[in-house]
């Protein structure tokens, strides 16, 4: 799964580099889309863990970033994927691992409350 993002001045922080949350969101989208390709129509999912490693800052607006997501595992309830974020020349800016909770229509997804007694 591959996504492209064109960055503008609205993505820069006070230091003039792309805000880390922007790169994390792009990687979240790429890893989520990678997992979604293994799910049936109508099955929903949500990211429950996203771990991003920043390698170097993205220095300028107008930069086109490419995010690549790859699915590692999909089960009935959990999906795992990894992603990388680079520019068109292949310069690596960040990598991520993601875990998603999968909500299938016929799976049991209620929260169970336990009562503790002394």
PDB file of N, CA and C in Angstrom:
ATOM      1  N   UNK A   1       0.842  -1.159   0.000  1.00  0.00           N
ATOM      2  CA  UNK A   1       0.000   0.000   0.000  1.00  0.00           C
ATOM      3  C   UNK A   1       0.895   1.232   0.000  1.00  0.00           C
ATOM      4  N   UNK A   2       0.623   2.165  -0.900  1.00  0.00           N
ATOM      5  CA  UNK A   2       1.446   3.366  -0.992  1.00  0.00           C
ATOM      6  C   UNK A   2       0.560   4.601  -1.055  1.00  0.00           C
ATOM      7  N   UNK A   3       0.909   5.612  -0.270  1.00  0.00           N
ATOM      8  CA  UNK A   3       0.200   6.890  -0.246  1.00  0.00           C
ATOM      9  C   UNK A   3       1.195   8.014  -0.497  1.00  0.00           C
ATOM     10  N   UNK A   4       0.715   9.104  -1.093  1.00  0.00           N
ATOM     11  CA  UNK A   4       1.542  10.294  -1.258  1.00  0.00           C
ATOM     12  C   UNK A   4       0.888  11.459  -0.534  1.00  0.00           C
ATOM     13  N   UNK A   5       1.711  12.312   0.079  1.00  0.00           N
ATOM     14  CA  UNK A   5       1.224  13.502   0.757  1.00  0.00           C
ATOM     15  C   UNK A   5       2.061  14.694   0.318  1.00  0.00           C
ATOM     16  N   UNK A   6       1.398  15.765  -0.066  1.00  0.00           N
ATOM     17  CA  UNK A   6       2.081  17.010  -0.422  1.00  0.00           C
ATOM     18  C   UNK A   6       1.987  17.931   0.787  1.00  0.00           C
ATOM     19  N   UNK A   7       3.135  18.326   1.306  1.00  0.00           N
ATOM     20  CA  UNK A   7       3.170  19.145   2.515  1.00  0.00           C
ATOM     21  C   UNK A   7       3.224  20.630   2.172  1.00  0.00           C
ATOM     22  N   UNK A   8       2.560  21.413   3.006  1.00  0.00           N
ATOM     23  CA  UNK A   8       2.543  22.856   2.823  1.00  0.00           C
ATOM     24  C   UNK A   8       2.937  23.566   4.102  1.00  0.00           C
ATOM     25  N   UNK A   9       2.900  24.900   4.098  1.00  0.00           N
ATOM     26  CA  UNK A   9       3.310  25.664   5.278  1.00  0.00           C
ATOM     27  C   UNK A   9       2.441  25.388   6.508  1.00  0.00           C
ATOM     28  N   UNK A  10       1.216  24.939   6.319  1.00  0.00           N
ATOM     29  CA  UNK A  10       0.329  24.626   7.440  1.00  0.00           C
ATOM     30  C   UNK A  10       0.792  23.397   8.216  1.00  0.00           C
ATOM     31  N   UNK A  11       1.725  22.630   7.662  1.00  0.00           N
ATOM     32  CA  UNK A  11       2.225  21.428   8.330  1.00  0.00           C
ATOM     33  C   UNK A  11       3.500  21.667   9.132  1.00  0.00           C
ATOM     34  N   UNK A  12       4.021  22.891   9.091  1.00  0.00           N
ATOM     35  CA  UNK A  12       5.277  23.205   9.777  1.00  0.00           C
ATOM     36  C   UNK A  12       5.031  23.623  11.222  1.00  0.00           C
ATOM     37  N   UNK A  13       5.978  23.285  12.091  1.00  0.00           N
ATOM     38  CA  UNK A  13       5.899  23.743  13.483  1.00  0.00           C
ATOM     39  C   UNK A  13       6.654  25.063  13.620  1.00  0.00           C
ATOM     40  N   UNK A  14       6.778  25.555  14.838  1.00  0.00           N
ATOM     41  CA  UNK A  14       7.418  26.847  15.087  1.00  0.00           C
ATOM     42  C   UNK A  14       8.902  26.865  14.700  1.00  0.00           C
ATOM     43  N   UNK A  15       9.522  25.697  14.594  1.00  0.00           N
ATOM     44  CA  UNK A  15      10.936  25.623  14.220  1.00  0.00           C
ATOM     45  C   UNK A  15      11.132  25.518  12.709  1.00  0.00           C
ATOM     46  N   UNK A  16      10.024  25.498  11.949  1.00  0.00           N
ATOM     47  CA  UNK A  16      10.128  25.471  10.498  1.00  0.00           C
ATOM     48  C   UNK A  16      10.265  24.098   9.882  1.00  0.00           C
ATOM     49  N   UNK A  17      10.059  23.045  10.679  1.00  0.00           N
ATOM     50  CA  UNK A  17      10.082  21.684  10.139  1.00  0.00           C
ATOM     51  C   UNK A  17       8.684  21.093  10.274  1.00  0.00           C
ATOM     52  N   UNK A  18       8.434  20.026   9.534  1.00  0.00           N
ATOM     53  CA  UNK A  18       7.119  19.399   9.564  1.00  0.00           C
ATOM     54  C   UNK A  18       6.854  18.832  10.956  1.00  0.00           C
ATOM     55  N   UNK A  19       5.685  19.149  11.494  1.00  0.00           N
ATOM     56  CA  UNK A  19       5.257  18.681  12.815  1.00  0.00           C
ATOM     57  C   UNK A  19       5.250  17.159  12.846  1.00  0.00           C
ATOM     58  N   UNK A  20       5.757  16.575  13.920  1.00  0.00           N
ATOM     59  CA  UNK A  20       5.830  15.123  14.051  1.00  0.00           C
ATOM     60  C   UNK A  20       4.483  14.437  13.964  1.00  0.00           C
ATOM     61  N   UNK A  21       3.439  15.109  14.424  1.00  0.00           N
ATOM     62  CA  UNK A  21       2.095  14.536  14.347  1.00  0.00           C
ATOM     63  C   UNK A  21       1.608  14.364  12.923  1.00  0.00           C
ATOM     64  N   UNK A  22       2.088  15.207  12.030  1.00  0.00           N
ATOM     65  CA  UNK A  22       1.723  15.080  10.612  1.00  0.00           C
ATOM     66  C   UNK A  22       2.324  13.810  10.036  1.00  0.00           C
ATOM     67  N   UNK A  23       3.594  13.587  10.300  1.00  0.00           N
ATOM     68  CA  UNK A  23       4.227  12.371   9.782  1.00  0.00           C
ATOM     69  C   UNK A  23       3.612  11.127  10.423  1.00  0.00           C
ATOM     70  N   UNK A  24       3.255  11.218  11.709  1.00  0.00           N
ATOM     71  CA  UNK A  24       2.606  10.083  12.370  1.00  0.00           C
ATOM     72  C   UNK A  24       1.243   9.796  11.739  1.00  0.00           C
ATOM     73  N   UNK A  25       0.487  10.846  11.421  1.00  0.00           N
ATOM     74  CA  UNK A  25      -0.824  10.652  10.791  1.00  0.00           C
ATOM     75  C   UNK A  25      -0.707  10.010   9.416  1.00  0.00           C
ATOM     76  N   UNK A  26       0.297  10.413   8.657  1.00  0.00           N
ATOM     77  CA  UNK A  26       0.510   9.819   7.338  1.00  0.00           C
ATOM     78  C   UNK A  26       0.856   8.335   7.474  1.00  0.00           C
ATOM     79  N   UNK A  27       1.723   8.010   8.421  1.00  0.00           N
ATOM     80  CA  UNK A  27       2.083   6.607   8.645  1.00  0.00           C
ATOM     81  C   UNK A  27       0.899   5.808   9.186  1.00  0.00           C
ATOM     82  N   UNK A  28       0.071   6.420  10.023  1.00  0.00           N
ATOM     83  CA  UNK A  28      -1.131   5.758  10.526  1.00  0.00           C
ATOM     84  C   UNK A  28      -2.069   5.423   9.366  1.00  0.00           C
ATOM     85  N   UNK A  29      -2.219   6.348   8.437  1.00  0.00           N
ATOM     86  CA  UNK A  29      -3.074   6.097   7.273  1.00  0.00           C
ATOM     87  C   UNK A  29      -2.522   4.960   6.413  1.00  0.00           C
ATOM     88  N   UNK A  30      -1.213   4.956   6.177  1.00  0.00           N
ATOM     89  CA  UNK A  30      -0.605   3.922   5.329  1.00  0.00           C
ATOM     90  C   UNK A  30      -0.705   2.536   5.960  1.00  0.00           C
ATOM     91  N   UNK A  31      -0.429   2.439   7.258  1.00  0.00           N
ATOM     92  CA  UNK A  31      -0.510   1.132   7.918  1.00  0.00           C
ATOM     93  C   UNK A  31      -1.961   0.674   8.028  1.00  0.00           C
ATOM     94  N   UNK A  32      -2.867   1.599   8.301  1.00  0.00           N
ATOM     95  CA  UNK A  32      -4.287   1.252   8.369  1.00  0.00           C
ATOM     96  C   UNK A  32      -4.827   0.775   7.035  1.00  0.00           C
ATOM     97  N   UNK A  33      -4.458   1.451   5.964  1.00  0.00           N
ATOM     98  CA  UNK A  33      -4.896   1.020   4.626  1.00  0.00           C
ATOM     99  C   UNK A  33      -4.333  -0.348   4.271  1.00  0.00           C
ATOM    100  N   UNK A  34      -3.097  -0.609   4.692  1.00  0.00           N
ATOM    101  CA  UNK A  34      -2.504  -1.925   4.432  1.00  0.00           C
ATOM    102  C   UNK A  34      -3.313  -3.023   5.111  1.00  0.00           C
ATOM    103  N   UNK A  35      -3.719  -2.786   6.356  1.00  0.00           N
ATOM    104  CA  UNK A  35      -4.540  -3.769   7.064  1.00  0.00           C
ATOM    105  C   UNK A  35      -5.910  -3.896   6.418  1.00  0.00           C
ATOM    106  N   UNK A  36      -6.489  -2.764   6.032  1.00  0.00           N
ATOM    107  CA  UNK A  36      -7.836  -2.765   5.450  1.00  0.00           C
ATOM    108  C   UNK A  36      -7.913  -3.606   4.177  1.00  0.00           C
ATOM    109  N   UNK A  37      -6.817  -3.725   3.445  1.00  0.00           N
ATOM    110  CA  UNK A  37      -6.837  -4.528   2.214  1.00  0.00           C
ATOM    111  C   UNK A  37      -7.079  -6.013   2.495  1.00  0.00           C
ATOM    112  N   UNK A  38      -6.892  -6.439   3.752  1.00  0.00           N
ATOM    113  CA  UNK A  38      -7.120  -7.836   4.124  1.00  0.00           C
ATOM    114  C   UNK A  38      -8.488  -8.066   4.771  1.00  0.00           C
ATOM    115  N   UNK A  39      -9.291  -7.020   4.904  1.00  0.00           N
ATOM    116  CA  UNK A  39     -10.584  -7.124   5.572  1.00  0.00           C
ATOM    117  C   UNK A  39     -11.727  -7.158   4.564  1.00  0.00           C
ATOM    118  N   UNK A  40     -12.793  -7.838   4.947  1.00  0.00           N
ATOM    119  CA  UNK A  40     -13.975  -7.904   4.103  1.00  0.00           C
ATOM    120  C   UNK A  40     -14.685  -6.548   4.136  1.00  0.00           C
ATOM    121  N   UNK A  41     -15.505  -6.288   3.130  1.00  0.00           N
ATOM    122  CA  UNK A  41     -16.279  -5.045   3.068  1.00  0.00           C
ATOM    123  C   UNK A  41     -17.137  -4.912   4.321  1.00  0.00           C
ATOM    124  N   UNK A  42     -17.172  -3.718   4.896  1.00  0.00           N
ATOM    125  CA  UNK A  42     -17.994  -3.458   6.068  1.00  0.00           C
ATOM    126  C   UNK A  42     -17.324  -3.715   7.397  1.00  0.00           C
ATOM    127  N   UNK A  43     -16.155  -4.341   7.389  1.00  0.00           N
ATOM    128  CA  UNK A  43     -15.432  -4.589   8.638  1.00  0.00           C
ATOM    129  C   UNK A  43     -14.677  -3.314   9.009  1.00  0.00           C
ATOM    130  N   UNK A  44     -14.850  -2.880  10.258  1.00  0.00           N
ATOM    131  CA  UNK A  44     -14.200  -1.659  10.719  1.00  0.00           C
ATOM    132  C   UNK A  44     -12.976  -1.996  11.572  1.00  0.00           C
ATOM    133  N   UNK A  45     -12.114  -1.008  11.746  1.00  0.00           N
ATOM    134  CA  UNK A  45     -10.932  -1.192  12.584  1.00  0.00           C
ATOM    135  C   UNK A  45     -10.529   0.154  13.169  1.00  0.00           C
ATOM    136  N   UNK A  46      -9.726   0.115  14.202  1.00  0.00           N
ATOM    137  CA  UNK A  46      -9.201   1.338  14.818  1.00  0.00           C
ATOM    138  C   UNK A  46      -7.782   1.073  15.298  1.00  0.00           C
ATOM    139  N   UNK A  47      -6.922   2.054  15.123  1.00  0.00           N
ATOM    140  CA  UNK A  47      -5.545   1.941  15.608  1.00  0.00           C
ATOM    141  C   UNK A  47      -5.549   1.973  17.133  1.00  0.00           C
ATOM    142  N   UNK A  48      -4.911   0.991  17.745  1.00  0.00           N
ATOM    143  CA  UNK A  48      -4.801   0.973  19.205  1.00  0.00           C
ATOM    144  C   UNK A  48      -3.358   1.200  19.665  1.00  0.00           C
ATOM    145  N   UNK A  49      -2.412   1.113  18.742  1.00  0.00           N
ATOM    146  CA  UNK A  49      -1.022   1.402  19.067  1.00  0.00           C
ATOM    147  C   UNK A  49      -0.305   1.829  17.801  1.00  0.00           C
ATOM    148  N   UNK A  50       0.401   2.954  17.879  1.00  0.00           N
ATOM    149  CA  UNK A  50       1.210   3.438  16.764  1.00  0.00           C
ATOM    150  C   UNK A  50       2.550   3.860  17.334  1.00  0.00           C
ATOM    151  N   UNK A  51       3.610   3.221  16.872  1.00  0.00           N
ATOM    152  CA  UNK A  51       4.954   3.508  17.340  1.00  0.00           C
ATOM    153  C   UNK A  51       5.743   4.075  16.170  1.00  0.00           C
ATOM    154  N   UNK A  52       6.129   5.340  16.275  1.00  0.00           N
ATOM    155  CA  UNK A  52       6.843   6.011  15.188  1.00  0.00           C
ATOM    156  C   UNK A  52       8.274   6.295  15.619  1.00  0.00           C
ATOM    157  N   UNK A  53       9.206   5.971  14.757  1.00  0.00           N
ATOM    158  CA  UNK A  53      10.617   6.294  14.954  1.00  0.00           C
ATOM    159  C   UNK A  53      10.996   7.351  13.919  1.00  0.00           C
ATOM    160  N   UNK A  54      11.392   8.519  14.409  1.00  0.00           N
ATOM    161  CA  UNK A  54      11.772   9.629  13.526  1.00  0.00           C
ATOM    162  C   UNK A  54      13.261   9.558  13.244  1.00  0.00           C
ATOM    163  N   UNK A  55      13.612   9.520  11.978  1.00  0.00           N
ATOM    164  CA  UNK A  55      15.006   9.367  11.582  1.00  0.00           C
ATOM    165  C   UNK A  55      15.650  10.719  11.292  1.00  0.00           C
ATOM    166  N   UNK A  56      14.934  11.568  10.573  1.00  0.00           N
ATOM    167  CA  UNK A  56      15.404  12.925  10.304  1.00  0.00           C
ATOM    168  C   UNK A  56      14.201  13.818  10.066  1.00  0.00           C
ATOM    169  N   UNK A  57      14.335  15.115  10.354  1.00  0.00           N
ATOM    170  CA  UNK A  57      13.197  16.016  10.170  1.00  0.00           C
ATOM    171  C   UNK A  57      12.935  16.300   8.696  1.00  0.00           C
ATOM    172  N   UNK A  58      11.669  16.504   8.384  1.00  0.00           N
ATOM    173  CA  UNK A  58      11.289  16.950   7.038  1.00  0.00           C
ATOM    174  C   UNK A  58      11.407  18.465   7.072  1.00  0.00           C
ATOM    175  N   UNK A  59      12.313  19.009   6.268  1.00  0.00           N
ATOM    176  CA  UNK A  59      12.727  20.397   6.398  1.00  0.00           C
ATOM    177  C   UNK A  59      11.878  21.422   5.655  1.00  0.00           C
ATOM    178  N   UNK A  60      11.127  21.048   4.633  1.00  0.00           N
ATOM    179  CA  UNK A  60      10.496  22.095   3.836  1.00  0.00           C
ATOM    180  C   UNK A  60       9.065  21.772   3.459  1.00  0.00           C
ATOM    181  N   UNK A  61       8.290  22.859   3.257  1.00  0.00           N
ATOM    182  CA  UNK A  61       6.959  22.664   2.709  1.00  0.00           C
ATOM    183  C   UNK A  61       7.106  22.440   1.208  1.00  0.00           C
ATOM    184  N   UNK A  62       6.090  21.959   0.568  1.00  0.00           N
ATOM    185  CA  UNK A  62       6.153  21.628  -0.849  1.00  0.00           C
ATOM    186  C   UNK A  62       6.767  20.260  -1.109  1.00  0.00           C
ATOM    187  N   UNK A  63       7.241  19.615  -0.072  1.00  0.00           N
ATOM    188  CA  UNK A  63       7.846  18.291  -0.180  1.00  0.00           C
ATOM    189  C   UNK A  63       6.747  17.249  -0.427  1.00  0.00           C
ATOM    190  N   UNK A  64       7.016  16.318  -1.297  1.00  0.00           N
ATOM    191  CA  UNK A  64       6.101  15.199  -1.517  1.00  0.00           C
ATOM    192  C   UNK A  64       6.662  13.997  -0.778  1.00  0.00           C
ATOM    193  N   UNK A  65       5.879  13.494   0.181  1.00  0.00           N
ATOM    194  CA  UNK A  65       6.289  12.320   0.943  1.00  0.00           C
ATOM    195  C   UNK A  65       5.533  11.096   0.459  1.00  0.00           C
ATOM    196  N   UNK A  66       6.204   9.981   0.491  1.00  0.00           N
ATOM    197  CA  UNK A  66       5.606   8.702   0.105  1.00  0.00           C
ATOM    198  C   UNK A  66       5.608   7.803   1.335  1.00  0.00           C
ATOM    199  N   UNK A  67       4.430   7.308   1.671  1.00  0.00           N
ATOM    200  CA  UNK A  67       4.296   6.377   2.793  1.00  0.00           C
ATOM    201  C   UNK A  67       3.960   5.005   2.233  1.00  0.00           C
ATOM    202  N   UNK A  68       4.696   4.012   2.672  1.00  0.00           N
ATOM    203  CA  UNK A  68       4.446   2.635   2.254  1.00  0.00           C
ATOM    204  C   UNK A  68       4.058   1.819   3.478  1.00  0.00           C
ATOM    205  N   UNK A  69       2.916   1.136   3.385  1.00  0.00           N
ATOM    206  CA  UNK A  69       2.457   0.284   4.473  1.00  0.00           C
ATOM    207  C   UNK A  69       2.458  -1.168   4.048  1.00  0.00           C
ATOM    208  N   UNK A  70       2.830  -2.040   4.979  1.00  0.00           N
ATOM    209  CA  UNK A  70       2.880  -3.477   4.698  1.00  0.00           C
ATOM    210  C   UNK A  70       2.253  -4.230   5.856  1.00  0.00           C
ATOM    211  N   UNK A  71       1.307  -5.087   5.540  1.00  0.00           N
ATOM    212  CA  UNK A  71       0.623  -5.876   6.554  1.00  0.00           C
ATOM    213  C   UNK A  71       1.518  -7.010   7.030  1.00  0.00           C
ATOM    214  N   UNK A  72       1.601  -7.162   8.352  1.00  0.00           N
ATOM    215  CA  UNK A  72       2.388  -8.237   8.942  1.00  0.00           C
ATOM    216  C   UNK A  72       1.516  -9.394   9.414  1.00  0.00           C
ATOM    217  N   UNK A  73       0.312  -9.071   9.923  1.00  0.00           N
ATOM    218  CA  UNK A  73      -0.543 -10.100  10.515  1.00  0.00           C
ATOM    219  C   UNK A  73      -1.972  -9.573  10.588  1.00  0.00           C
ATOM    220  N   UNK A  74      -2.939 -10.423  10.269  1.00  0.00           N
ATOM    221  CA  UNK A  74      -4.353 -10.109  10.472  1.00  0.00           C
ATOM    222  C   UNK A  74      -5.033 -11.352  11.026  1.00  0.00           C
ATOM    223  N   UNK A  75      -5.697 -11.188  12.174  1.00  0.00           N
ATOM    224  CA  UNK A  75      -6.482 -12.272  12.755  1.00  0.00           C
ATOM    225  C   UNK A  75      -7.923 -11.792  12.876  1.00  0.00           C
ATOM    226  N   UNK A  76      -8.717 -12.510  13.631  1.00  0.00           N
ATOM    227  CA  UNK A  76     -10.109 -12.123  13.794  1.00  0.00           C
ATOM    228  C   UNK A  76     -10.256 -10.772  14.497  1.00  0.00           C
ATOM    229  N   UNK A  77      -9.359 -10.453  15.432  1.00  0.00           N
ATOM    230  CA  UNK A  77      -9.497  -9.245  16.235  1.00  0.00           C
ATOM    231  C   UNK A  77      -8.351  -8.244  16.125  1.00  0.00           C
ATOM    232  N   UNK A  78      -7.194  -8.674  15.641  1.00  0.00           N
ATOM    233  CA  UNK A  78      -6.007  -7.802  15.643  1.00  0.00           C
ATOM    234  C   UNK A  78      -5.347  -7.798  14.269  1.00  0.00           C
ATOM    235  N   UNK A  79      -4.915  -6.609  13.846  1.00  0.00           N
ATOM    236  CA  UNK A  79      -4.111  -6.471  12.635  1.00  0.00           C
ATOM    237  C   UNK A  79      -2.826  -5.736  12.979  1.00  0.00           C
ATOM    238  N   UNK A  80      -1.729  -6.141  12.362  1.00  0.00           N
ATOM    239  CA  UNK A  80      -0.443  -5.493  12.597  1.00  0.00           C
ATOM    240  C   UNK A  80       0.183  -5.137  11.255  1.00  0.00           C
ATOM    241  N   UNK A  81       0.789  -3.950  11.211  1.00  0.00           N
ATOM    242  CA  UNK A  81       1.421  -3.496   9.965  1.00  0.00           C
ATOM    243  C   UNK A  81       2.639  -2.647  10.302  1.00  0.00           C
ATOM    244  N   UNK A  82       3.477  -2.437   9.306  1.00  0.00           N
ATOM    245  CA  UNK A  82       4.626  -1.547   9.444  1.00  0.00           C
ATOM    246  C   UNK A  82       4.618  -0.578   8.278  1.00  0.00           C
ATOM    247  N   UNK A  83       5.263   0.555   8.466  1.00  0.00           N
ATOM    248  CA  UNK A  83       5.289   1.547   7.404  1.00  0.00           C
ATOM    249  C   UNK A  83       6.577   2.333   7.405  1.00  0.00           C
ATOM    250  N   UNK A  84       6.893   2.895   6.247  1.00  0.00           N
ATOM    251  CA  UNK A  84       8.039   3.795   6.123  1.00  0.00           C
ATOM    252  C   UNK A  84       7.571   5.070   5.432  1.00  0.00           C
ATOM    253  N   UNK A  85       8.269   6.166   5.738  1.00  0.00           N
ATOM    254  CA  UNK A  85       7.971   7.461   5.133  1.00  0.00           C
ATOM    255  C   UNK A  85       9.247   7.985   4.509  1.00  0.00           C
ATOM    256  N   UNK A  86       9.187   8.257   3.213  1.00  0.00           N
ATOM    257  CA  UNK A  86      10.372   8.697   2.481  1.00  0.00           C
ATOM    258  C   UNK A  86       9.975   9.749   1.454  1.00  0.00           C
ATOM    259  N   UNK A  87      10.979  10.362   0.827  1.00  0.00           N
ATOM    260  CA  UNK A  87      10.681  11.281  -0.266  1.00  0.00           C
ATOM    261  C   UNK A  87      10.827  10.546  -1.599  1.00  0.00           C
ATOM    262  N   UNK A  88      10.613  11.269  -2.695  1.00  0.00           N
ATOM    263  CA  UNK A  88      10.660  10.633  -4.020  1.00  0.00           C
ATOM    264  C   UNK A  88      12.047  10.102  -4.374  1.00  0.00           C
ATOM    265  N   UNK A  89      13.081  10.632  -3.724  1.00  0.00           N
ATOM    266  CA  UNK A  89      14.449  10.161  -3.970  1.00  0.00           C
ATOM    267  C   UNK A  89      14.837   8.985  -3.076  1.00  0.00           C
ATOM    268  N   UNK A  90      13.918   8.560  -2.219  1.00  0.00           N
ATOM    269  CA  UNK A  90      14.186   7.428  -1.354  1.00  0.00           C
ATOM    270  C   UNK A  90      14.773   7.776   0.003  1.00  0.00           C
ATOM    271  N   UNK A  91      14.936   9.081   0.317  1.00  0.00           N
ATOM    272  CA  UNK A  91      15.463   9.477   1.623  1.00  0.00           C
ATOM    273  C   UNK A  91      14.439   9.115   2.698  1.00  0.00           C
ATOM    274  N   UNK A  92      14.876   8.350   3.686  1.00  0.00           N
ATOM    275  CA  UNK A  92      13.995   7.858   4.737  1.00  0.00           C
ATOM    276  C   UNK A  92      13.876   8.882   5.861  1.00  0.00           C
ATOM    277  N   UNK A  93      12.617   9.220   6.244  1.00  0.00           N
ATOM    278  CA  UNK A  93      12.368  10.180   7.318  1.00  0.00           C
ATOM    279  C   UNK A  93      11.855   9.521   8.595  1.00  0.00           C
ATOM    280  N   UNK A  94      11.036   8.487   8.465  1.00  0.00           N
ATOM    281  CA  UNK A  94      10.461   7.851   9.655  1.00  0.00           C
ATOM    282  C   UNK A  94       9.981   6.448   9.306  1.00  0.00           C
ATOM    283  N   UNK A  95       9.846   5.621  10.328  1.00  0.00           N
ATOM    284  CA  UNK A  95       9.249   4.301  10.157  1.00  0.00           C
ATOM    285  C   UNK A  95       8.303   4.067  11.338  1.00  0.00           C
ATOM    286  N   UNK A  96       7.363   3.158  11.162  1.00  0.00           N
ATOM    287  CA  UNK A  96       6.349   2.941  12.193  1.00  0.00           C
ATOM    288  C   UNK A  96       5.901   1.494  12.227  1.00  0.00           C
ATOM    289  N   UNK A  97       5.384   1.113  13.388  1.00  0.00           N
ATOM    290  CA  UNK A  97       4.658  -0.151  13.517  1.00  0.00           C
ATOM    291  C   UNK A  97       3.295   0.206  14.109  1.00  0.00           C
ATOM    292  N   UNK A  98       2.274  -0.496  13.668  1.00  0.00           N
ATOM    293  CA  UNK A  98       0.912  -0.206  14.117  1.00  0.00           C
ATOM    294  C   UNK A  98       0.172  -1.488  14.446  1.00  0.00           C
ATOM    295  N   UNK A  99      -0.692  -1.394  15.443  1.00  0.00           N
ATOM    296  CA  UNK A  99      -1.601  -2.472  15.798  1.00  0.00           C
ATOM    297  C   UNK A  99      -3.013  -1.911  15.744  1.00  0.00           C
ATOM    298  N   UNK A 100      -3.912  -2.644  15.110  1.00  0.00           N
ATOM    299  CA  UNK A 100      -5.302  -2.213  14.988  1.00  0.00           C
ATOM    300  C   UNK A 100      -6.240  -3.265  15.573  1.00  0.00           C
ATOM    301  N   UNK A 101      -7.284  -2.794  16.241  1.00  0.00           N
ATOM    302  CA  UNK A 101      -8.363  -3.659  16.708  1.00  0.00           C
ATOM    303  C   UNK A 101      -9.368  -3.762  15.567  1.00  0.00           C
ATOM    304  N   UNK A 102      -9.773  -4.986  15.276  1.00  0.00           N
ATOM    305  CA  UNK A 102     -10.715  -5.234  14.186  1.00  0.00           C
ATOM    306  C   UNK A 102     -12.090  -5.512  14.781  1.00  0.00           C
ATOM    307  N   UNK A 103     -13.099  -4.866  14.234  1.00  0.00           N
ATOM    308  CA  UNK A 103     -14.478  -5.005  14.714  1.00  0.00           C
ATOM    309  C   UNK A 103     -15.303  -5.691  13.631  1.00  0.00           C
ATOM    310  N   UNK A 104     -15.426  -6.993  13.743  1.00  0.00           N
ATOM    311  CA  UNK A 104     -16.224  -7.763  12.793  1.00  0.00           C
ATOM    312  C   UNK A 104     -17.661  -7.830  13.296  1.00  0.00           C
ATOM    313  N   UNK A 105     -18.605  -7.896  12.385  1.00  0.00           N
ATOM    314  CA  UNK A 105     -20.026  -7.868  12.754  1.00  0.00           C
ATOM    315  C   UNK A 105     -20.414  -9.018  13.668  1.00  0.00           C
ATOM    316  N   UNK A 106     -19.842 -10.176  13.481  1.00  0.00           N
ATOM    317  CA  UNK A 106     -20.231 -11.350  14.267  1.00  0.00           C
ATOM    318  C   UNK A 106     -19.282 -11.653  15.420  1.00  0.00           C
ATOM    319  N   UNK A 107     -18.306 -10.775  15.658  1.00  0.00           N
ATOM    320  CA  UNK A 107     -17.379 -11.042  16.756  1.00  0.00           C
ATOM    321  C   UNK A 107     -17.889 -10.371  18.019  1.00  0.00           C
ATOM    322  N   UNK A 108     -17.494 -10.906  19.120  1.00  0.00           N
ATOM    323  CA  UNK A 108     -17.913 -10.361  20.402  1.00  0.00           C
ATOM    324  C   UNK A 108     -16.955  -9.240  20.784  1.00  0.00           C
ATOM    325  N   UNK A 109     -17.469  -8.010  20.834  1.00  0.00           N
ATOM    326  CA  UNK A 109     -16.597  -6.878  21.122  1.00  0.00           C
ATOM    327  C   UNK A 109     -17.085  -6.049  22.299  1.00  0.00           C
ATOM    328  N   UNK A 110     -17.944  -6.613  23.141  1.00  0.00           N
ATOM    329  CA  UNK A 110     -18.418  -5.881  24.311  1.00  0.00           C
ATOM    330  C   UNK A 110     -17.312  -5.821  25.349  1.00  0.00           C
ATOM    331  N   UNK A 111     -17.375  -4.798  26.153  1.00  0.00           N
ATOM    332  CA  UNK A 111     -16.433  -4.661  27.258  1.00  0.00           C
ATOM    333  C   UNK A 111     -16.996  -5.417  28.456  1.00  0.00           C
ATOM    334  N   UNK A 112     -16.201  -6.259  29.052  1.00  0.00           N
ATOM    335  CA  UNK A 112     -16.618  -7.017  30.218  1.00  0.00           C
ATOM    336  C   UNK A 112     -16.136  -6.307  31.470  1.00  0.00           C
ATOM    337  N   UNK A 113     -17.039  -6.099  32.417  1.00  0.00           N
ATOM    338  CA  UNK A 113     -16.701  -5.459  33.679  1.00  0.00           C
ATOM    339  C   UNK A 113     -16.557  -6.549  34.737  1.00  0.00           C
ATOM    340  N   UNK A 114     -15.432  -6.509  35.438  1.00  0.00           N
ATOM    341  CA  UNK A 114     -15.183  -7.469  36.507  1.00  0.00           C
ATOM    342  C   UNK A 114     -15.391  -6.777  37.845  1.00  0.00           C
ATOM    343  N   UNK A 115     -16.103  -7.433  38.730  1.00  0.00           N
ATOM    344  CA  UNK A 115     -16.274  -6.905  40.078  1.00  0.00           C
ATOM    345  C   UNK A 115     -15.305  -7.611  40.995  1.00  0.00           C
ATOM    346  N   UNK A 116     -14.517  -6.831  41.694  1.00  0.00           N
ATOM    347  CA  UNK A 116     -13.540  -7.389  42.620  1.00  0.00           C
ATOM    348  C   UNK A 116     -14.104  -7.304  44.031  1.00  0.00           C
ATOM    349  N   UNK A 117     -14.006  -8.372  44.756  1.00  0.00           N
ATOM    350  CA  UNK A 117     -14.461  -8.383  46.144  1.00  0.00           C
ATOM    351  C   UNK A 117     -13.313  -8.764  47.048  1.00  0.00           C
ATOM    352  N   UNK A 118     -13.382  -8.293  48.264  1.00  0.00           N
ATOM    353  CA  UNK A 118     -12.325  -8.610  49.240  1.00  0.00           C
ATOM    354  C   UNK A 118     -12.545  -9.968  49.839  1.00  0.00           C
TER     355      UNK A 118
END
